[in-house]
């Protein structure tokens, strides 16, 4: 039996500093020394194991078992999602329809900066709202390359854009998890998060334009950034507060994209920055329809090709929307402690307690949650896989070509797979040994200043776990407990955890690994980290100030 001791050294500050060591090492190796993510994450994992063994006195077998548990979780929660998302993209490339999609986006505007907003911000938010995981970063990165951005900048833009919708991503899953972890109404957390992230969303398109083209971009394309940010933020606020936090990102994404399309009818940047032109078709002895679609027919794309180009993403939207119908959702749900349903006599999943971890108890003496939920039929990655199979038919791609494309997709990730396995192992070693809880309790000792630090707790959680939902599961109760101690609204601090966490999505090692793998620069995670860390820190600072003001009479009226 291993009982978590949140202060194993007798000094909470010293214990917290030791618990912080793996995270500091990870950030320094990535950002300071520009190590490749797989080596940086491996070193951080070894340090976390060392701290668990020699500071927290966690038995070796349970320490290694916790790491294995985390690594296995990453297969379904990250890798299965990302492989299938990129596979769908690769299928559109092989058929030549991705070039048609690129030209369709160009009809919104011939300016690359405006296209970047539509693709990374609006379309990326739609993907995040439906699927979450690494899909938005992976898909949007390669789409941005297609309109002329270099790989590093494309990945950076996709990572930065993925901040605005994350709190409500996966149909509001982080908010739902926060409600489950704290026992409070998720609708209240959703409403409060909408009063925080909606403000943040206004600034994100401006950052995208600045990263894409510097001061010139801000000077010339600010109307598009303002339109996208304001419409997205207003929709996110209205839907999270007055309708459904689960659907707010879907409508915010669609409305912001529609607003930019309408803006394009009456406004164009003073000096347009156009994408790199496609090469002219050369003569050939054999017709190649895919090649002709890739370079563009002289009389424009046919309606059939345009429909097929959008078909894969329409399929994704339709399938995920269908999966949210209560009858379907309940049929596919796999919930610990409840009977597992079947479809055509086949179980939709399997639930079991992870062997070897059932003897770990938390600070309160209750056993920690170490249940593996294999919801293989209703998993996000499975829905994307089915979408890929339907894409084969829609784009008239043979099964053999599809199989080859899948093998190429897996090879494309290479070391990124190892990185993701290591980081998930790291997060669960830190979690089950008590290191993460030590950090949270230490920050909560800041007293009234904790209102400022509350988003930082969520930021740490997402940096380690890679997901806002994971951070909420870890620190949701801590935030609510600190709020009660400080006589502050628990809804405010709980929402601050999820709102602060979104800024860490762009620097979490697994998302960096997904981004570099998608654009073919595996090993450049350190360089990418340096590109986005400053924006992560700046947006986090803004969120800290906002939450602190919301805890005072200045903006206290914003708390429901």
Protein backbone atom coordinates (compact mmCIF):
# COMPACT_ATOMS: atom_id res chain seq x y z
CA UNK A 1 0.00 0.00 0.00
CA UNK A 2 1.34 3.42 -1.00
CA UNK A 3 -0.17 6.50 0.64
CA UNK A 4 0.46 9.86 -1.04
CA UNK A 5 2.24 12.33 1.24
CA UNK A 6 1.99 15.82 -0.20
CA UNK A 7 4.80 17.13 2.02
CA UNK A 8 7.36 14.30 2.20
CA UNK A 9 10.29 16.56 3.14
CA UNK A 10 8.55 18.36 6.01
CA UNK A 11 8.85 21.66 4.11
CA UNK A 12 6.07 22.24 1.60
CA UNK A 13 8.21 24.70 -0.35
CA UNK A 14 11.10 22.22 -0.68
CA UNK A 15 8.69 19.43 -1.59
CA UNK A 16 7.11 21.64 -4.27
CA UNK A 17 10.49 22.61 -5.71
CA UNK A 18 11.47 18.96 -5.99
CA UNK A 19 8.10 18.16 -7.58
CA UNK A 20 8.65 21.04 -9.99
CA UNK A 21 12.07 19.74 -11.06
CA UNK A 22 10.83 17.48 -13.95
CA UNK A 23 8.71 20.28 -15.39
CA UNK A 24 11.52 22.85 -15.14
CA UNK A 25 13.90 20.42 -16.81
CA UNK A 26 11.41 19.82 -19.61
CA UNK A 27 10.91 23.53 -20.29
CA UNK A 28 14.64 24.36 -20.08
CA UNK A 29 15.71 21.49 -22.31
CA UNK A 30 13.07 22.34 -24.90
CA UNK A 31 13.22 26.11 -24.84
CA UNK A 32 16.68 26.91 -23.52
CA UNK A 33 18.84 24.15 -24.96
CA UNK A 34 16.57 23.28 -27.92
CA UNK A 35 16.72 19.59 -27.28
CA UNK A 36 14.53 17.34 -29.36
CA UNK A 37 11.25 16.68 -27.59
CA UNK A 38 11.74 12.92 -27.28
CA UNK A 39 15.03 13.31 -25.39
CA UNK A 40 13.75 16.20 -23.26
CA UNK A 41 10.62 14.27 -22.31
CA UNK A 42 12.66 11.15 -21.53
CA UNK A 43 14.96 13.11 -19.19
CA UNK A 44 11.92 14.69 -17.49
CA UNK A 45 10.36 11.24 -17.06
CA UNK A 46 13.54 9.87 -15.48
CA UNK A 47 13.64 12.85 -13.09
CA UNK A 48 9.97 12.35 -12.17
CA UNK A 49 10.65 8.69 -11.45
CA UNK A 50 13.64 9.67 -9.30
CA UNK A 51 11.60 12.20 -7.31
CA UNK A 52 8.80 9.64 -6.86
CA UNK A 53 11.25 7.01 -5.60
CA UNK A 54 13.59 9.02 -3.39
CA UNK A 55 11.42 11.92 -2.22
CA UNK A 56 7.89 10.49 -2.13
CA UNK A 57 9.01 6.91 -1.29
CA UNK A 58 6.79 5.41 -3.97
CA UNK A 59 7.68 1.73 -4.58
CA UNK A 60 9.60 1.10 -7.80
CA UNK A 61 7.04 -1.34 -9.21
CA UNK A 62 4.15 1.09 -8.71
CA UNK A 63 6.19 4.00 -10.07
CA UNK A 64 6.94 2.16 -13.30
CA UNK A 65 3.38 0.85 -13.44
CA UNK A 66 2.03 4.40 -13.17
CA UNK A 67 4.20 5.41 -16.12
CA UNK A 68 3.00 2.43 -18.15
CA UNK A 69 -0.61 3.29 -17.31
CA UNK A 70 -0.12 6.84 -18.60
CA UNK A 71 1.61 5.67 -21.77
CA UNK A 72 -1.21 3.23 -22.57
CA UNK A 73 -3.79 5.96 -21.98
CA UNK A 74 -2.05 8.15 -24.56
CA UNK A 75 -2.60 5.56 -27.30
CA UNK A 76 -6.39 6.00 -27.25
CA UNK A 77 -6.55 9.61 -26.09
CA UNK A 78 -3.91 11.16 -28.37
CA UNK A 79 -2.27 8.84 -30.88
CA UNK A 80 -5.45 7.16 -32.15
CA UNK A 81 -7.02 10.59 -32.66
CA UNK A 82 -4.03 12.20 -34.33
CA UNK A 83 -3.20 9.28 -36.64
CA UNK A 84 -6.72 9.26 -38.03
CA UNK A 85 -6.96 13.04 -38.37
CA UNK A 86 -3.74 13.18 -40.38
CA UNK A 87 -4.76 10.09 -42.35
CA UNK A 88 -7.87 11.91 -43.57
CA UNK A 89 -5.71 14.84 -44.62
CA UNK A 90 -3.24 12.55 -46.41
CA UNK A 91 -6.10 10.96 -48.33
CA UNK A 92 -7.17 14.36 -49.64
CA UNK A 93 -3.59 15.04 -50.72
CA UNK A 94 -3.30 11.74 -52.59
CA UNK A 95 -6.54 12.38 -54.45
CA UNK A 96 -5.57 15.97 -55.25
CA UNK A 97 -8.66 17.35 -53.50
CA UNK A 98 -6.69 19.13 -50.82
CA UNK A 99 -5.50 21.60 -53.46
CA UNK A 100 -9.15 22.18 -54.37
CA UNK A 101 -9.90 22.89 -50.72
CA UNK A 102 -7.00 25.32 -50.58
CA UNK A 103 -8.33 27.20 -53.60
CA UNK A 104 -11.80 27.22 -52.05
CA UNK A 105 -10.38 28.96 -48.98
CA UNK A 106 -8.70 31.39 -51.35
CA UNK A 107 -12.13 32.50 -52.57
CA UNK A 108 -12.72 33.94 -49.10
CA UNK A 109 -9.74 36.21 -49.63
CA UNK A 110 -6.63 36.24 -51.80
CA UNK A 111 -4.69 37.47 -48.77
CA UNK A 112 -2.70 34.79 -46.97
CA UNK A 113 -3.10 36.48 -43.59
CA UNK A 114 -6.89 36.43 -43.84
CA UNK A 115 -6.77 32.82 -45.01
CA UNK A 116 -4.67 31.99 -41.94
CA UNK A 117 -7.41 33.37 -39.69
CA UNK A 118 -10.11 31.36 -41.46
CA UNK A 119 -8.08 28.13 -41.43
CA UNK A 120 -6.25 28.24 -38.08
CA UNK A 121 -8.75 30.22 -36.01
CA UNK A 122 -12.25 29.46 -37.36
CA UNK A 123 -11.82 26.07 -39.02
CA UNK A 124 -9.41 24.96 -36.29
CA UNK A 125 -11.95 25.94 -33.63
CA UNK A 126 -14.59 23.85 -35.38
CA UNK A 127 -12.29 20.82 -35.33
CA UNK A 128 -11.46 21.46 -31.66
CA UNK A 129 -15.14 21.78 -30.82
CA UNK A 130 -15.93 18.43 -32.39
CA UNK A 131 -12.91 16.24 -31.76
CA UNK A 132 -10.26 17.98 -29.69
CA UNK A 133 -7.02 16.07 -29.17
CA UNK A 134 -4.22 16.89 -31.59
CA UNK A 135 -6.46 16.95 -34.66
CA UNK A 136 -6.85 20.74 -35.05
CA UNK A 137 -3.11 21.38 -34.76
CA UNK A 138 -2.24 18.55 -37.13
CA UNK A 139 -4.78 19.35 -39.84
CA UNK A 140 -4.50 23.14 -39.74
CA UNK A 141 -0.70 23.04 -39.79
CA UNK A 142 -0.57 21.24 -43.10
CA UNK A 143 -3.35 23.40 -44.54
CA UNK A 144 -1.31 26.50 -43.71
CA UNK A 145 1.71 25.03 -45.47
CA UNK A 146 -0.49 24.54 -48.52
CA UNK A 147 -1.16 28.29 -48.71
CA UNK A 148 2.52 29.16 -48.54
CA UNK A 149 3.67 29.31 -44.89
CA UNK A 150 6.92 27.61 -43.95
CA UNK A 151 6.54 24.54 -41.68
CA UNK A 152 7.66 26.14 -38.40
CA UNK A 153 5.43 29.19 -38.86
CA UNK A 154 2.50 27.01 -39.93
CA UNK A 155 2.81 24.85 -36.81
CA UNK A 156 3.19 27.93 -34.59
CA UNK A 157 0.07 29.54 -36.06
CA UNK A 158 -1.96 26.36 -35.56
CA UNK A 159 -0.80 26.02 -31.94
CA UNK A 160 -1.53 29.65 -31.06
CA UNK A 161 -4.96 29.55 -32.71
CA UNK A 162 -5.91 26.45 -30.72
CA UNK A 163 -6.07 28.44 -27.48
CA UNK A 164 -9.41 30.19 -27.97
CA UNK A 165 -11.67 27.11 -28.28
CA UNK A 166 -9.91 24.65 -25.95
CA UNK A 167 -11.96 25.34 -22.78
CA UNK A 168 -15.07 24.13 -24.61
CA UNK A 169 -13.32 21.64 -26.91
CA UNK A 170 -14.61 18.13 -27.53
CA UNK A 171 -18.19 19.37 -27.07
CA UNK A 172 -17.42 20.94 -23.70
CA UNK A 173 -15.59 17.95 -22.25
CA UNK A 174 -13.19 19.99 -20.04
CA UNK A 175 -16.16 21.79 -18.44
CA UNK A 176 -18.06 18.54 -17.98
CA UNK A 177 -15.02 16.92 -16.32
CA UNK A 178 -14.65 19.98 -14.06
CA UNK A 179 -18.24 19.58 -12.90
CA UNK A 180 -17.73 15.88 -12.27
CA UNK A 181 -14.49 16.44 -10.33
CA UNK A 182 -15.94 19.15 -8.07
CA UNK A 183 -19.57 18.08 -7.72
CA UNK A 184 -20.75 21.51 -8.88
CA UNK A 185 -22.91 22.34 -11.88
CA UNK A 186 -20.87 22.31 -15.10
CA UNK A 187 -23.23 24.93 -16.56
CA UNK A 188 -21.99 27.42 -13.96
CA UNK A 189 -18.36 26.72 -14.83
CA UNK A 190 -19.21 27.02 -18.52
CA UNK A 191 -20.84 30.40 -18.01
CA UNK A 192 -17.87 31.69 -16.01
CA UNK A 193 -15.30 30.33 -18.47
CA UNK A 194 -17.26 32.07 -21.23
CA UNK A 195 -16.73 35.35 -19.38
CA UNK A 196 -12.98 34.76 -19.43
CA UNK A 197 -11.98 32.98 -22.64
CA UNK A 198 -14.35 35.09 -24.76
CA UNK A 199 -12.25 38.13 -23.87
CA UNK A 200 -9.07 36.22 -24.68
CA UNK A 201 -10.47 35.13 -28.05
CA UNK A 202 -10.61 38.74 -29.25
CA UNK A 203 -6.83 39.01 -29.09
CA UNK A 204 -5.89 35.68 -30.69
CA UNK A 205 -6.54 36.64 -34.36
CA UNK A 206 -4.37 39.74 -33.89
CA UNK A 207 -1.55 37.53 -32.63
CA UNK A 208 -2.00 35.26 -35.64
CA UNK A 209 -1.76 38.18 -38.06
CA UNK A 210 1.30 39.49 -36.20
CA UNK A 211 3.05 36.12 -36.32
CA UNK A 212 2.13 35.69 -39.98
CA UNK A 213 3.33 39.08 -41.20
CA UNK A 214 4.59 41.24 -38.33
CA UNK A 215 3.60 44.87 -37.92
CA UNK A 216 2.71 45.20 -41.58
CA UNK A 217 0.15 42.44 -41.16
CA UNK A 218 -1.40 44.13 -38.13
CA UNK A 219 -1.54 47.46 -39.94
CA UNK A 220 -3.14 46.06 -43.09
CA UNK A 221 -5.25 43.09 -41.96
CA UNK A 222 -6.56 44.28 -38.58
CA UNK A 223 -10.21 44.51 -39.75
CA UNK A 224 -10.24 40.77 -40.45
CA UNK A 225 -8.64 40.03 -37.08
CA UNK A 226 -11.11 42.28 -35.27
CA UNK A 227 -14.08 40.75 -37.08
CA UNK A 228 -13.02 37.19 -36.32
CA UNK A 229 -12.10 37.87 -32.70
CA UNK A 230 -15.20 39.86 -31.79
CA UNK A 231 -17.70 37.55 -33.48
CA UNK A 232 -16.06 34.45 -32.00
CA UNK A 233 -15.84 35.98 -28.52
CA UNK A 234 -19.43 37.25 -28.53
CA UNK A 235 -20.78 33.89 -29.68
CA UNK A 236 -18.70 32.02 -27.13
CA UNK A 237 -20.01 34.28 -24.36
CA UNK A 238 -23.66 34.18 -25.45
CA UNK A 239 -23.87 30.43 -26.06
CA UNK A 240 -21.92 29.44 -22.92
CA UNK A 241 -24.09 31.66 -20.75
CA UNK A 242 -27.54 31.45 -22.30
CA UNK A 243 -27.76 28.21 -24.24
CA UNK A 244 -25.23 25.35 -24.15
CA UNK A 245 -21.55 25.35 -23.28
CA UNK A 246 -21.24 22.10 -25.26
CA UNK A 247 -22.18 23.81 -28.53
CA UNK A 248 -20.72 27.29 -28.09
CA UNK A 249 -17.47 26.63 -29.99
CA UNK A 250 -19.28 25.12 -32.97
CA UNK A 251 -21.43 28.20 -33.44
CA UNK A 252 -18.57 30.58 -32.63
CA UNK A 253 -16.40 28.94 -35.30
CA UNK A 254 -19.12 29.01 -37.96
CA UNK A 255 -20.20 32.58 -37.22
CA UNK A 256 -16.64 33.92 -37.20
CA UNK A 257 -15.92 32.24 -40.55
CA UNK A 258 -19.16 33.59 -41.99
CA UNK A 259 -18.36 37.09 -40.74
CA UNK A 260 -14.97 37.06 -42.49
CA UNK A 261 -16.62 35.87 -45.71
CA UNK A 262 -19.08 38.75 -45.53
CA UNK A 263 -16.27 41.18 -44.71
CA UNK A 264 -14.42 40.01 -47.83
CA UNK A 265 -17.29 41.25 -49.97
CA UNK A 266 -16.81 44.87 -48.87
CA UNK A 267 -13.17 45.09 -47.75
CA UNK A 268 -9.73 43.96 -48.88
CA UNK A 269 -6.33 44.62 -47.28
CA UNK A 270 -4.60 47.64 -48.78
CA UNK A 271 -1.60 45.54 -49.82
CA UNK A 272 -2.54 41.92 -50.32
CA UNK A 273 -0.12 39.16 -49.41
CA UNK A 274 -0.98 36.34 -51.77
CA UNK A 275 -0.01 32.68 -51.40
CA UNK A 276 2.68 31.15 -53.59
CA UNK A 277 1.21 30.53 -57.04
CA UNK A 278 0.73 26.97 -58.20
CA UNK A 279 2.88 25.79 -61.15
CA UNK A 280 1.42 25.80 -64.65
CA UNK A 281 0.28 22.44 -66.01
CA UNK A 282 2.89 20.90 -68.29
CA UNK A 283 2.09 18.48 -71.07
CA UNK A 284 2.04 14.77 -70.35
CA UNK A 285 1.46 11.56 -72.24
CA UNK A 286 -1.05 10.26 -69.66
CA UNK A 287 -3.87 12.20 -68.03
CA UNK A 288 -3.49 12.54 -64.27
CA UNK A 289 -6.72 13.93 -62.75
CA UNK A 290 -5.15 14.23 -59.30
CA UNK A 291 -2.28 16.27 -60.75
CA UNK A 292 -4.68 18.50 -62.66
CA UNK A 293 -6.64 19.13 -59.49
CA UNK A 294 -3.37 19.81 -57.68
CA UNK A 295 -2.31 22.60 -60.06
CA UNK A 296 -5.77 23.77 -61.02
CA UNK A 297 -7.78 23.50 -64.25
CA UNK A 298 -7.78 26.61 -66.48
CA UNK A 299 -11.56 27.03 -66.23
CA UNK A 300 -11.64 26.59 -62.46
CA UNK A 301 -12.58 23.70 -60.19
CA UNK A 302 -15.76 21.82 -60.97
CA UNK A 303 -18.58 21.86 -58.43
CA UNK A 304 -18.16 18.11 -58.01
CA UNK A 305 -14.49 18.47 -57.08
CA UNK A 306 -15.27 21.30 -54.64
CA UNK A 307 -17.97 19.18 -52.98
CA UNK A 308 -15.58 16.22 -52.73
CA UNK A 309 -12.83 18.47 -51.30
CA UNK A 310 -15.10 19.52 -48.45
CA UNK A 311 -16.65 16.06 -48.07
CA UNK A 312 -14.11 14.63 -45.57
CA UNK A 313 -14.68 17.47 -43.12
CA UNK A 314 -18.43 17.47 -43.70
CA UNK A 315 -18.34 13.75 -42.88
CA UNK A 316 -16.41 14.47 -39.66
CA UNK A 317 -18.93 17.13 -38.62
CA UNK A 318 -21.92 14.93 -39.46
CA UNK A 319 -20.54 11.86 -37.70
CA UNK A 320 -19.58 13.72 -34.54
CA UNK A 321 -22.91 15.53 -34.47
CA UNK A 322 -24.70 12.17 -34.82
CA UNK A 323 -22.62 10.77 -31.95
CA UNK A 324 -23.94 13.57 -29.69
CA UNK A 325 -27.58 12.55 -30.08
CA UNK A 326 -28.58 11.25 -26.65
CA UNK A 327 -29.77 7.87 -27.93
CA UNK A 328 -26.50 7.27 -29.80
CA UNK A 329 -24.30 8.80 -27.12
CA UNK A 330 -25.84 6.69 -24.36
CA UNK A 331 -25.53 3.58 -26.49
CA UNK A 332 -21.81 4.14 -27.04
CA UNK A 333 -21.03 5.42 -23.53
CA UNK A 334 -18.63 3.41 -21.38
CA UNK A 335 -18.95 4.53 -17.76
CA UNK A 336 -17.10 2.88 -14.85
CA UNK A 337 -19.52 1.16 -12.51
CA UNK A 338 -22.28 0.81 -15.09
CA UNK A 339 -23.04 -2.05 -17.48
CA UNK A 340 -21.31 -1.82 -20.85
CA UNK A 341 -23.72 -1.73 -23.79
CA UNK A 342 -23.49 -3.61 -27.06
CA UNK A 343 -24.00 -2.86 -30.74
CA UNK A 344 -25.01 -5.86 -32.87
CA UNK A 345 -23.98 -8.05 -29.97
CA UNK A 346 -20.48 -6.57 -29.75
CA UNK A 347 -19.49 -4.71 -26.54
CA UNK A 348 -18.85 -1.02 -27.18
CA UNK A 349 -15.91 -1.05 -24.81
CA UNK A 350 -14.35 -2.50 -21.70
CA UNK A 351 -13.61 -1.14 -18.23
CA UNK A 352 -11.05 -2.54 -15.83
CA UNK A 353 -8.96 -1.39 -12.90
CA UNK A 354 -5.34 -1.04 -13.90
CA UNK A 355 -3.44 -3.86 -12.14
CA UNK A 356 -0.93 -2.80 -9.51
CA UNK A 357 -2.33 0.69 -8.88
CA UNK A 358 -5.35 -0.29 -6.77
CA UNK A 359 -3.25 -0.03 -3.61
CA UNK A 360 -2.45 3.70 -3.99
CA UNK A 361 -4.38 6.04 -1.71
CA UNK A 362 -4.59 9.82 -1.88
CA UNK A 363 -4.03 12.32 0.96
CA UNK A 364 -7.59 11.75 2.22
CA UNK A 365 -7.08 8.00 2.42
CA UNK A 366 -9.33 7.18 -0.51
CA UNK A 367 -7.96 5.02 -3.36
CA UNK A 368 -6.88 7.03 -6.40
CA UNK A 369 -8.73 6.56 -9.66
CA UNK A 370 -6.76 4.17 -11.88
CA UNK A 371 -9.43 2.74 -14.11
CA UNK A 372 -8.81 2.10 -17.79
CA UNK A 373 -11.82 2.85 -19.98
CA UNK A 374 -11.43 1.24 -23.40
CA UNK A 375 -14.37 2.87 -25.17
CA UNK A 376 -13.11 1.70 -28.52
CA UNK A 377 -16.40 2.05 -30.41
CA UNK A 378 -17.33 5.55 -29.25
CA UNK A 379 -13.81 6.99 -28.93
CA UNK A 380 -12.98 10.20 -30.77
CA UNK A 381 -10.25 8.43 -32.73
CA UNK A 382 -12.64 5.68 -33.80
CA UNK A 383 -15.14 8.23 -35.11
CA UNK A 384 -12.31 9.81 -37.08
CA UNK A 385 -11.28 6.40 -38.39
CA UNK A 386 -14.83 5.74 -39.61
CA UNK A 387 -14.77 9.22 -41.16
CA UNK A 388 -11.59 8.17 -42.98
CA UNK A 389 -13.26 5.03 -44.33
CA UNK A 390 -16.17 7.11 -45.60
CA UNK A 391 -13.63 9.54 -47.12
CA UNK A 392 -12.19 6.67 -49.15
CA UNK A 393 -15.58 6.23 -50.77
CA UNK A 394 -16.27 9.95 -51.15
CA UNK A 395 -12.93 10.61 -52.87
CA UNK A 396 -13.01 7.31 -54.80
CA UNK A 397 -9.75 6.05 -53.30
CA UNK A 398 -9.05 2.32 -53.33
CA UNK A 399 -8.73 0.44 -50.02
CA UNK A 400 -5.14 -0.50 -50.87
CA UNK A 401 -4.18 3.14 -51.45
CA UNK A 402 -5.90 4.03 -48.18
CA UNK A 403 -3.95 1.34 -46.33
CA UNK A 404 -0.68 2.58 -47.78
CA UNK A 405 -1.58 6.13 -46.77
CA UNK A 406 -2.21 4.96 -43.20
CA UNK A 407 1.19 3.27 -43.03
CA UNK A 408 2.80 6.45 -44.35
CA UNK A 409 0.93 8.46 -41.71
CA UNK A 410 2.34 6.34 -38.88
CA UNK A 411 5.87 6.57 -40.31
CA UNK A 412 5.40 10.35 -40.55
CA UNK A 413 5.17 10.62 -36.77
CA UNK A 414 8.31 8.64 -35.95
CA UNK A 415 9.85 9.96 -32.74
CA UNK A 416 6.72 12.00 -32.00
CA UNK A 417 5.07 8.74 -30.91
CA UNK A 418 7.84 8.16 -28.37
CA UNK A 419 7.49 11.75 -27.13
CA UNK A 420 3.77 11.41 -26.51
CA UNK A 421 4.22 8.09 -24.70
CA UNK A 422 6.94 9.62 -22.47
CA UNK A 423 4.96 12.74 -21.61
CA UNK A 424 1.85 10.80 -20.63
CA UNK A 425 4.01 8.47 -18.56
CA UNK A 426 5.56 11.55 -16.94
CA UNK A 427 2.17 13.06 -16.09
CA UNK A 428 0.89 9.90 -14.40
CA UNK A 429 4.08 9.27 -12.44
CA UNK A 430 3.82 12.84 -11.14
CA UNK A 431 0.09 12.50 -10.53
CA UNK A 432 -0.02 9.14 -8.77
CA UNK A 433 3.08 9.81 -6.66
CA UNK A 434 1.53 13.05 -5.38
CA UNK A 435 3.93 15.50 -7.07
CA UNK A 436 1.24 17.38 -8.99
CA UNK A 437 -0.97 17.72 -5.92
CA UNK A 438 1.99 19.07 -3.96
CA UNK A 439 2.41 21.84 -6.54
CA UNK A 440 -1.26 22.72 -6.34
CA UNK A 441 -1.35 22.83 -2.53
CA UNK A 442 1.84 24.91 -2.47
CA UNK A 443 0.38 27.51 -4.84
CA UNK A 444 -2.85 27.55 -2.84
CA UNK A 445 -0.87 28.72 0.20
CA UNK A 446 -0.44 32.11 -1.44
CA UNK A 447 -3.56 33.39 0.31
CA UNK A 448 -5.36 36.26 -1.39
CA UNK A 449 -2.74 36.30 -4.13
CA UNK A 450 -3.99 32.87 -5.19
CA UNK A 451 -6.67 34.65 -7.21
CA UNK A 452 -3.83 35.81 -9.47
CA UNK A 453 -2.14 32.39 -9.46
CA UNK A 454 -5.28 30.33 -10.00
CA UNK A 455 -4.91 30.25 -13.82
CA UNK A 456 -1.23 29.27 -13.37
CA UNK A 457 -2.35 26.06 -11.65
CA UNK A 458 -4.40 25.15 -14.72
CA UNK A 459 -1.49 26.15 -16.95
CA UNK A 460 0.84 23.76 -15.09
CA UNK A 461 -1.77 21.02 -15.36
CA UNK A 462 -2.13 21.29 -19.13
CA UNK A 463 1.62 21.62 -19.65
CA UNK A 464 2.07 18.26 -17.94
CA UNK A 465 -1.03 16.38 -19.10
CA UNK A 466 -1.50 18.04 -22.50
CA UNK A 467 -5.26 18.34 -22.04
CA UNK A 468 -7.54 20.87 -20.37
CA UNK A 469 -9.80 18.04 -19.24
CA UNK A 470 -6.84 16.32 -17.59
CA UNK A 471 -5.86 19.50 -15.78
CA UNK A 472 -9.43 19.98 -14.52
CA UNK A 473 -9.55 16.41 -13.25
CA UNK A 474 -6.28 16.98 -11.36
CA UNK A 475 -6.78 20.44 -9.94
CA UNK A 476 -10.53 21.11 -10.03
CA UNK A 477 -11.08 20.13 -6.40
CA UNK A 478 -7.99 22.03 -5.29
CA UNK A 479 -9.32 25.23 -6.87
CA UNK A 480 -12.72 24.85 -5.22
CA UNK A 481 -11.14 24.11 -1.81
CA UNK A 482 -8.88 27.19 -2.07
CA UNK A 483 -11.90 29.33 -3.02
CA UNK A 484 -13.80 28.22 0.08
CA UNK A 485 -10.78 28.97 2.28
CA UNK A 486 -10.45 32.46 0.78
CA UNK A 487 -14.22 33.12 0.78
CA UNK A 488 -14.21 33.52 -3.01
CA UNK A 489 -16.64 32.02 -5.51
CA UNK A 490 -15.60 28.41 -6.25
CA UNK A 491 -17.05 28.86 -9.74
CA UNK A 492 -14.51 31.63 -10.41
CA UNK A 493 -11.47 29.57 -9.42
CA UNK A 494 -12.75 26.41 -11.08
CA UNK A 495 -13.30 28.25 -14.36
CA UNK A 496 -9.89 29.93 -13.97
CA UNK A 497 -8.31 26.48 -13.95
CA UNK A 498 -9.75 25.63 -17.34
CA UNK A 499 -9.26 29.15 -18.77
CA UNK A 500 -5.64 29.32 -17.64
CA UNK A 501 -4.96 25.85 -18.95
CA UNK A 502 -5.81 26.71 -22.54
CA UNK A 503 -2.64 28.80 -22.87
CA UNK A 504 -0.49 25.76 -22.14
CA UNK A 505 -1.86 23.76 -25.07
CA UNK A 506 0.62 25.48 -27.36
CA UNK A 507 3.65 24.52 -25.23
CA UNK A 508 2.70 21.06 -24.00
CA UNK A 509 5.27 18.58 -25.39
CA UNK A 510 2.70 16.24 -26.92
CA UNK A 511 1.10 19.06 -28.90
CA UNK A 512 4.53 20.27 -30.00
CA UNK A 513 5.26 16.71 -31.13
CA UNK A 514 1.98 16.50 -33.05
CA UNK A 515 2.66 19.84 -34.75
CA UNK A 516 6.20 19.01 -35.84
CA UNK A 517 5.21 15.54 -37.02
CA UNK A 518 2.31 16.90 -39.06
CA UNK A 519 4.54 19.35 -40.98
CA UNK A 520 7.47 16.96 -41.35
CA UNK A 521 9.98 18.54 -38.97
CA UNK A 522 10.17 15.98 -36.16
CA UNK A 523 13.00 17.01 -33.83
CA UNK A 524 12.36 20.76 -34.14
CA UNK A 525 10.11 20.88 -31.08
CA UNK A 526 12.58 23.09 -29.19
CA UNK A 527 12.58 25.69 -31.94
CA UNK A 528 8.79 25.60 -32.12
CA UNK A 529 8.58 25.93 -28.33
CA UNK A 530 10.62 29.12 -28.45
CA UNK A 531 8.31 30.52 -31.13
CA UNK A 532 5.17 30.11 -29.03
CA UNK A 533 6.28 30.28 -25.38
CA UNK A 534 6.23 34.07 -25.21
CA UNK A 535 2.63 34.18 -26.46
CA UNK A 536 1.65 31.51 -23.96
CA UNK A 537 3.19 33.52 -21.11
CA UNK A 538 1.65 36.82 -22.28
CA UNK A 539 -1.87 35.40 -22.61
CA UNK A 540 -1.49 33.65 -19.25
CA UNK A 541 -0.53 36.97 -17.64
CA UNK A 542 -3.63 38.62 -19.11
CA UNK A 543 -5.80 35.81 -17.77
CA UNK A 544 -4.20 36.07 -14.31
CA UNK A 545 -4.95 39.80 -14.17
CA UNK A 546 -8.53 39.23 -15.37
CA UNK A 547 -9.24 36.52 -12.77
CA UNK A 548 -7.69 38.61 -10.01
CA UNK A 549 -9.89 41.58 -10.95
CA UNK A 550 -12.91 39.27 -11.06
CA UNK A 551 -12.15 38.29 -7.47
CA UNK A 552 -12.32 41.97 -6.43
CA UNK A 553 -15.17 44.50 -6.54
CA UNK A 554 -13.67 45.92 -9.75
CA UNK A 555 -14.92 43.04 -11.94
CA UNK A 556 -16.71 40.97 -9.31
CA UNK A 557 -19.99 41.69 -11.11
CA UNK A 558 -18.84 39.33 -13.86
CA UNK A 559 -19.05 36.27 -11.58
CA UNK A 560 -22.44 34.54 -11.92
